[in-house]
């Protein structure tokens, strides 16, 4: 003998409406977050120097620009 599971039609309609409601609510919430907070991609900015520091370190010298031969690219 088989097991018969009876689910009422109002319960089916309620779950479908609940699914659509969650879908549309989540979509509008995601679009609102997208407009309010922009994502920044790239290198982060360096931290500001400490306040009141009497000694400041000199900036490092830039590397020498020399042309490299093609053997380094292999």
PDB file of N, CA and C in Angstrom:
ATOM      1  N   UNK A   1       0.823  -1.159   0.000  1.00  0.00           N
ATOM      2  CA  UNK A   1       0.000   0.000   0.000  1.00  0.00           C
ATOM      3  C   UNK A   1       0.887   1.248   0.000  1.00  0.00           C
ATOM      4  N   UNK A   2       0.533   2.210  -0.788  1.00  0.00           N
ATOM      5  CA  UNK A   2       1.332   3.420  -0.915  1.00  0.00           C
ATOM      6  C   UNK A   2       0.958   4.470   0.116  1.00  0.00           C
ATOM      7  N   UNK A   3       1.871   5.394   0.332  1.00  0.00           N
ATOM      8  CA  UNK A   3       1.643   6.490   1.266  1.00  0.00           C
ATOM      9  C   UNK A   3       1.137   7.687   0.486  1.00  0.00           C
ATOM     10  N   UNK A   4       0.042   8.225   0.886  1.00  0.00           N
ATOM     11  CA  UNK A   4      -0.553   9.354   0.192  1.00  0.00           C
ATOM     12  C   UNK A   4      -0.344  10.601   1.042  1.00  0.00           C
ATOM     13  N   UNK A   5       0.273  11.611   0.432  1.00  0.00           N
ATOM     14  CA  UNK A   5       0.504  12.874   1.117  1.00  0.00           C
ATOM     15  C   UNK A   5      -0.429  13.913   0.509  1.00  0.00           C
ATOM     16  N   UNK A   6      -1.246  14.503   1.328  1.00  0.00           N
ATOM     17  CA  UNK A   6      -2.215  15.470   0.843  1.00  0.00           C
ATOM     18  C   UNK A   6      -1.720  16.862   1.204  1.00  0.00           C
ATOM     19  N   UNK A   7      -1.520  17.695   0.188  1.00  0.00           N
ATOM     20  CA  UNK A   7      -1.130  19.089   0.382  1.00  0.00           C
ATOM     21  C   UNK A   7      -2.251  19.941  -0.190  1.00  0.00           C
ATOM     22  N   UNK A   8      -2.678  20.882   0.582  1.00  0.00           N
ATOM     23  CA  UNK A   8      -3.822  21.678   0.155  1.00  0.00           C
ATOM     24  C   UNK A   8      -3.402  22.705  -0.895  1.00  0.00           C
ATOM     25  N   UNK A   9      -4.336  23.088  -1.705  1.00  0.00           N
ATOM     26  CA  UNK A   9      -4.098  24.073  -2.749  1.00  0.00           C
ATOM     27  C   UNK A   9      -3.742  25.446  -2.171  1.00  0.00           C
ATOM     28  N   UNK A  10      -4.375  25.912  -1.094  1.00  0.00           N
ATOM     29  CA  UNK A  10      -3.952  27.205  -0.528  1.00  0.00           C
ATOM     30  C   UNK A  10      -2.490  27.186  -0.056  1.00  0.00           C
ATOM     31  N   UNK A  11      -2.013  26.070   0.475  1.00  0.00           N
ATOM     32  CA  UNK A  11      -0.618  25.986   0.904  1.00  0.00           C
ATOM     33  C   UNK A  11       0.330  26.083  -0.298  1.00  0.00           C
ATOM     34  N   UNK A  12      -0.017  25.462  -1.389  1.00  0.00           N
ATOM     35  CA  UNK A  12       0.808  25.537  -2.599  1.00  0.00           C
ATOM     36  C   UNK A  12       0.849  26.972  -3.108  1.00  0.00           C
ATOM     37  N   UNK A  13      -0.291  27.631  -3.168  1.00  0.00           N
ATOM     38  CA  UNK A  13      -0.336  29.016  -3.632  1.00  0.00           C
ATOM     39  C   UNK A  13       0.434  29.936  -2.683  1.00  0.00           C
ATOM     40  N   UNK A  14       0.326  29.687  -1.374  1.00  0.00           N
ATOM     41  CA  UNK A  14       1.048  30.503  -0.401  1.00  0.00           C
ATOM     42  C   UNK A  14       2.557  30.365  -0.575  1.00  0.00           C
ATOM     43  N   UNK A  15       3.048  29.150  -0.777  1.00  0.00           N
ATOM     44  CA  UNK A  15       4.493  28.964  -0.940  1.00  0.00           C
ATOM     45  C   UNK A  15       4.990  29.589  -2.240  1.00  0.00           C
ATOM     46  N   UNK A  16       4.196  29.524  -3.292  1.00  0.00           N
ATOM     47  CA  UNK A  16       4.591  30.165  -4.555  1.00  0.00           C
ATOM     48  C   UNK A  16       4.648  31.679  -4.386  1.00  0.00           C
ATOM     49  N   UNK A  17       3.621  32.258  -3.743  1.00  0.00           N
ATOM     50  CA  UNK A  17       3.625  33.701  -3.493  1.00  0.00           C
ATOM     51  C   UNK A  17       4.767  34.109  -2.567  1.00  0.00           C
ATOM     52  N   UNK A  18       5.054  33.297  -1.573  1.00  0.00           N
ATOM     53  CA  UNK A  18       6.160  33.583  -0.665  1.00  0.00           C
ATOM     54  C   UNK A  18       7.498  33.551  -1.417  1.00  0.00           C
ATOM     55  N   UNK A  19       7.662  32.604  -2.318  1.00  0.00           N
ATOM     56  CA  UNK A  19       8.884  32.536  -3.129  1.00  0.00           C
ATOM     57  C   UNK A  19       9.052  33.753  -4.016  1.00  0.00           C
ATOM     58  N   UNK A  20       7.982  34.168  -4.678  1.00  0.00           N
ATOM     59  CA  UNK A  20       8.053  35.366  -5.525  1.00  0.00           C
ATOM     60  C   UNK A  20       8.321  36.619  -4.688  1.00  0.00           C
ATOM     61  N   UNK A  21       7.695  36.696  -3.517  1.00  0.00           N
ATOM     62  CA  UNK A  21       7.921  37.849  -2.657  1.00  0.00           C
ATOM     63  C   UNK A  21       9.367  37.947  -2.208  1.00  0.00           C
ATOM     64  N   UNK A  22       9.952  36.822  -1.798  1.00  0.00           N
ATOM     65  CA  UNK A  22      11.361  36.828  -1.383  1.00  0.00           C
ATOM     66  C   UNK A  22      12.271  37.160  -2.559  1.00  0.00           C
ATOM     67  N   UNK A  23      11.945  36.675  -3.738  1.00  0.00           N
ATOM     68  CA  UNK A  23      12.760  36.951  -4.919  1.00  0.00           C
ATOM     69  C   UNK A  23      12.774  38.445  -5.236  1.00  0.00           C
ATOM     70  N   UNK A  24      11.593  39.044  -5.302  1.00  0.00           N
ATOM     71  CA  UNK A  24      11.521  40.460  -5.663  1.00  0.00           C
ATOM     72  C   UNK A  24      12.073  41.362  -4.566  1.00  0.00           C
ATOM     73  N   UNK A  25      11.856  40.992  -3.305  1.00  0.00           N
ATOM     74  CA  UNK A  25      12.405  41.772  -2.209  1.00  0.00           C
ATOM     75  C   UNK A  25      13.938  41.719  -2.225  1.00  0.00           C
ATOM     76  N   UNK A  26      14.501  40.552  -2.445  1.00  0.00           N
ATOM     77  CA  UNK A  26      15.954  40.422  -2.507  1.00  0.00           C
ATOM     78  C   UNK A  26      16.544  41.149  -3.691  1.00  0.00           C
ATOM     79  N   UNK A  27      15.844  41.124  -4.808  1.00  0.00           N
ATOM     80  CA  UNK A  27      16.355  41.823  -5.990  1.00  0.00           C
ATOM     81  C   UNK A  27      16.352  43.332  -5.775  1.00  0.00           C
ATOM     82  N   UNK A  28      15.303  43.861  -5.178  1.00  0.00           N
ATOM     83  CA  UNK A  28      15.270  45.311  -4.939  1.00  0.00           C
ATOM     84  C   UNK A  28      16.288  45.708  -3.873  1.00  0.00           C
ATOM     85  N   UNK A  29      16.484  44.864  -2.878  1.00  0.00           N
ATOM     86  CA  UNK A  29      17.478  45.157  -1.839  1.00  0.00           C
ATOM     87  C   UNK A  29      18.892  45.134  -2.435  1.00  0.00           C
ATOM     88  N   UNK A  30      19.185  44.206  -3.313  1.00  0.00           N
ATOM     89  CA  UNK A  30      20.490  44.149  -3.954  1.00  0.00           C
ATOM     90  C   UNK A  30      20.744  45.339  -4.850  1.00  0.00           C
ATOM     91  N   UNK A  31      19.724  45.775  -5.573  1.00  0.00           N
ATOM     92  CA  UNK A  31      19.897  46.953  -6.428  1.00  0.00           C
ATOM     93  C   UNK A  31      20.092  48.214  -5.593  1.00  0.00           C
ATOM     94  N   UNK A  32      19.428  48.282  -4.445  1.00  0.00           N
ATOM     95  CA  UNK A  32      19.592  49.426  -3.557  1.00  0.00           C
ATOM     96  C   UNK A  32      21.010  49.460  -2.993  1.00  0.00           C
ATOM     97  N   UNK A  33      21.560  48.311  -2.614  1.00  0.00           N
ATOM     98  CA  UNK A  33      22.930  48.260  -2.112  1.00  0.00           C
ATOM     99  C   UNK A  33      23.918  48.638  -3.206  1.00  0.00           C
ATOM    100  N   UNK A  34      23.634  48.250  -4.418  1.00  0.00           N
ATOM    101  CA  UNK A  34      24.531  48.569  -5.523  1.00  0.00           C
ATOM    102  C   UNK A  34      24.600  50.071  -5.756  1.00  0.00           C
ATOM    103  N   UNK A  35      23.470  50.759  -5.644  1.00  0.00           N
ATOM    104  CA  UNK A  35      23.455  52.198  -5.878  1.00  0.00           C
ATOM    105  C   UNK A  35      24.041  52.981  -4.705  1.00  0.00           C
ATOM    106  N   UNK A  36      23.873  52.476  -3.487  1.00  0.00           N
ATOM    107  CA  UNK A  36      24.317  53.229  -2.311  1.00  0.00           C
ATOM    108  C   UNK A  36      25.802  53.088  -2.034  1.00  0.00           C
ATOM    109  N   UNK A  37      26.376  51.947  -2.240  1.00  0.00           N
ATOM    110  CA  UNK A  37      27.791  51.748  -1.922  1.00  0.00           C
ATOM    111  C   UNK A  37      28.505  51.236  -3.169  1.00  0.00           C
ATOM    112  N   UNK A  38      29.463  52.025  -3.631  1.00  0.00           N
ATOM    113  CA  UNK A  38      30.201  51.621  -4.815  1.00  0.00           C
ATOM    114  C   UNK A  38      31.413  50.812  -4.399  1.00  0.00           C
ATOM    115  N   UNK A  39      31.739  49.823  -5.201  1.00  0.00           N
ATOM    116  CA  UNK A  39      32.907  49.004  -4.943  1.00  0.00           C
ATOM    117  C   UNK A  39      34.093  49.605  -5.671  1.00  0.00           C
ATOM    118  N   UNK A  40      35.213  49.674  -4.989  1.00  0.00           N
ATOM    119  CA  UNK A  40      36.413  50.251  -5.574  1.00  0.00           C
ATOM    120  C   UNK A  40      37.420  49.139  -5.769  1.00  0.00           C
ATOM    121  N   UNK A  41      37.850  48.967  -7.008  1.00  0.00           N
ATOM    122  CA  UNK A  41      38.845  47.954  -7.326  1.00  0.00           C
ATOM    123  C   UNK A  41      40.171  48.634  -7.604  1.00  0.00           C
ATOM    124  N   UNK A  42      41.238  48.039  -7.170  1.00  0.00           N
ATOM    125  CA  UNK A  42      42.550  48.586  -7.452  1.00  0.00           C
ATOM    126  C   UNK A  42      43.433  48.557  -6.226  1.00  0.00           C
ATOM    127  N   UNK A  43      44.519  49.254  -6.320  1.00  0.00           N
ATOM    128  CA  UNK A  43      45.499  49.299  -5.237  1.00  0.00           C
ATOM    129  C   UNK A  43      44.976  50.197  -4.123  1.00  0.00           C
ATOM    130  N   UNK A  44      45.023  49.741  -2.882  1.00  0.00           N
ATOM    131  CA  UNK A  44      44.546  50.595  -1.798  1.00  0.00           C
ATOM    132  C   UNK A  44      45.479  51.778  -1.579  1.00  0.00           C
ATOM    133  N   UNK A  45      44.947  52.838  -1.056  1.00  0.00           N
ATOM    134  CA  UNK A  45      45.758  54.024  -0.799  1.00  0.00           C
ATOM    135  C   UNK A  45      46.646  53.778   0.415  1.00  0.00           C
ATOM    136  N   UNK A  46      47.835  54.355   0.430  1.00  0.00           N
ATOM    137  CA  UNK A  46      48.717  54.156   1.581  1.00  0.00           C
ATOM    138  C   UNK A  46      48.179  54.891   2.805  1.00  0.00           C
ATOM    139  N   UNK A  47      48.536  54.419   3.988  1.00  0.00           N
ATOM    140  CA  UNK A  47      48.036  55.083   5.190  1.00  0.00           C
ATOM    141  C   UNK A  47      48.655  56.460   5.347  1.00  0.00           C
ATOM    142  N   UNK A  48      47.967  57.358   6.017  1.00  0.00           N
ATOM    143  CA  UNK A  48      48.513  58.705   6.206  1.00  0.00           C
ATOM    144  C   UNK A  48      49.706  58.661   7.159  1.00  0.00           C
ATOM    145  N   UNK A  49      50.606  59.621   7.065  1.00  0.00           N
ATOM    146  CA  UNK A  49      51.756  59.635   7.971  1.00  0.00           C
ATOM    147  C   UNK A  49      51.299  59.932   9.392  1.00  0.00           C
ATOM    148  N   UNK A  50      52.050  59.464  10.377  1.00  0.00           N
ATOM    149  CA  UNK A  50      51.651  59.735  11.772  1.00  0.00           C
ATOM    150  C   UNK A  50      51.772  61.219  12.093  1.00  0.00           C
ATOM    151  N   UNK A  51      50.890  61.704  12.915  1.00  0.00           N
ATOM    152  CA  UNK A  51      50.877  63.119  13.290  1.00  0.00           C
ATOM    153  C   UNK A  51      51.938  63.390  14.348  1.00  0.00           C
ATOM    154  N   UNK A  52      52.603  64.520  14.226  1.00  0.00           N
ATOM    155  CA  UNK A  52      53.562  64.941  15.231  1.00  0.00           C
ATOM    156  C   UNK A  52      54.909  64.253  15.130  1.00  0.00           C
ATOM    157  N   UNK A  53      55.179  63.595  14.017  1.00  0.00           N
ATOM    158  CA  UNK A  53      56.482  62.939  13.902  1.00  0.00           C
ATOM    159  C   UNK A  53      57.509  63.961  13.433  1.00  0.00           C
ATOM    160  N   UNK A  54      58.586  64.111  14.205  1.00  0.00           N
ATOM    161  CA  UNK A  54      59.612  65.097  13.880  1.00  0.00           C
ATOM    162  C   UNK A  54      60.551  64.585  12.798  1.00  0.00           C
ATOM    163  N   UNK A  55      60.747  63.289  12.758  1.00  0.00           N
ATOM    164  CA  UNK A  55      61.657  62.722  11.766  1.00  0.00           C
ATOM    165  C   UNK A  55      60.836  62.173  10.613  1.00  0.00           C
ATOM    166  N   UNK A  56      61.227  62.528   9.439  1.00  0.00           N
ATOM    167  CA  UNK A  56      60.576  61.964   8.265  1.00  0.00           C
ATOM    168  C   UNK A  56      61.637  61.251   7.440  1.00  0.00           C
ATOM    169  N   UNK A  57      61.323  60.092   7.006  1.00  0.00           N
ATOM    170  CA  UNK A  57      62.262  59.296   6.244  1.00  0.00           C
ATOM    171  C   UNK A  57      62.257  59.763   4.800  1.00  0.00           C
ATOM    172  N   UNK A  58      63.416  59.793   4.156  1.00  0.00           N
ATOM    173  CA  UNK A  58      63.441  60.212   2.756  1.00  0.00           C
ATOM    174  C   UNK A  58      62.787  59.149   1.882  1.00  0.00           C
ATOM    175  N   UNK A  59      62.226  59.598   0.782  1.00  0.00           N
ATOM    176  CA  UNK A  59      61.587  58.648  -0.115  1.00  0.00           C
ATOM    177  C   UNK A  59      62.664  57.811  -0.802  1.00  0.00           C
ATOM    178  N   UNK A  60      62.378  56.569  -1.096  1.00  0.00           N
ATOM    179  CA  UNK A  60      63.377  55.722  -1.744  1.00  0.00           C
ATOM    180  C   UNK A  60      63.649  56.207  -3.163  1.00  0.00           C
ATOM    181  N   UNK A  61      64.863  55.996  -3.603  1.00  0.00           N
ATOM    182  CA  UNK A  61      65.228  56.416  -4.955  1.00  0.00           C
ATOM    183  C   UNK A  61      64.563  55.496  -5.961  1.00  0.00           C
ATOM    184  N   UNK A  62      64.128  56.013  -7.084  1.00  0.00           N
ATOM    185  CA  UNK A  62      63.496  55.162  -8.088  1.00  0.00           C
ATOM    186  C   UNK A  62      64.529  54.230  -8.706  1.00  0.00           C
ATOM    187  N   UNK A  63      64.095  53.074  -9.171  1.00  0.00           N
ATOM    188  CA  UNK A  63      65.045  52.133  -9.780  1.00  0.00           C
ATOM    189  C   UNK A  63      65.599  52.706 -11.089  1.00  0.00           C
ATOM    190  N   UNK A  64      66.809  52.297 -11.398  1.00  0.00           N
ATOM    191  CA  UNK A  64      67.436  52.751 -12.631  1.00  0.00           C
ATOM    192  C   UNK A  64      66.724  52.143 -13.824  1.00  0.00           C
ATOM    193  N   UNK A  65      66.440  52.963 -14.799  1.00  0.00           N
ATOM    194  CA  UNK A  65      65.737  52.489 -15.983  1.00  0.00           C
ATOM    195  C   UNK A  65      66.774  52.037 -17.014  1.00  0.00           C
ATOM    196  N   UNK A  66      67.023  50.772 -17.077  1.00  0.00           N
ATOM    197  CA  UNK A  66      67.955  50.225 -18.059  1.00  0.00           C
ATOM    198  C   UNK A  66      67.205  49.272 -18.959  1.00  0.00           C
ATOM    199  N   UNK A  67      67.624  49.212 -20.174  1.00  0.00           N
ATOM    200  CA  UNK A  67      66.985  48.314 -21.123  1.00  0.00           C
ATOM    201  C   UNK A  67      67.530  46.915 -20.904  1.00  0.00           C
ATOM    202  N   UNK A  68      66.626  45.978 -20.723  1.00  0.00           N
ATOM    203  CA  UNK A  68      67.039  44.606 -20.493  1.00  0.00           C
ATOM    204  C   UNK A  68      67.042  43.852 -21.808  1.00  0.00           C
ATOM    205  N   UNK A  69      67.922  42.887 -21.894  1.00  0.00           N
ATOM    206  CA  UNK A  69      67.942  42.101 -23.122  1.00  0.00           C
ATOM    207  C   UNK A  69      66.771  41.112 -23.121  1.00  0.00           C
ATOM    208  N   UNK A  70      66.535  40.499 -24.239  1.00  0.00           N
ATOM    209  CA  UNK A  70      65.374  39.627 -24.398  1.00  0.00           C
ATOM    210  C   UNK A  70      65.550  38.289 -23.703  1.00  0.00           C
ATOM    211  N   UNK A  71      66.719  37.967 -23.206  1.00  0.00           N
ATOM    212  CA  UNK A  71      66.902  36.693 -22.538  1.00  0.00           C
ATOM    213  C   UNK A  71      66.169  36.660 -21.204  1.00  0.00           C
ATOM    214  N   UNK A  72      65.894  37.808 -20.609  1.00  0.00           N
ATOM    215  CA  UNK A  72      65.179  37.825 -19.345  1.00  0.00           C
ATOM    216  C   UNK A  72      63.684  37.561 -19.524  1.00  0.00           C
ATOM    217  N   UNK A  73      63.182  37.704 -20.727  1.00  0.00           N
ATOM    218  CA  UNK A  73      61.748  37.516 -20.983  1.00  0.00           C
ATOM    219  C   UNK A  73      61.395  36.075 -21.294  1.00  0.00           C
ATOM    220  N   UNK A  74      62.362  35.205 -21.409  1.00  0.00           N
ATOM    221  CA  UNK A  74      62.097  33.824 -21.811  1.00  0.00           C
ATOM    222  C   UNK A  74      61.618  33.013 -20.662  1.00  0.00           C
TER     223      UNK A  74
END
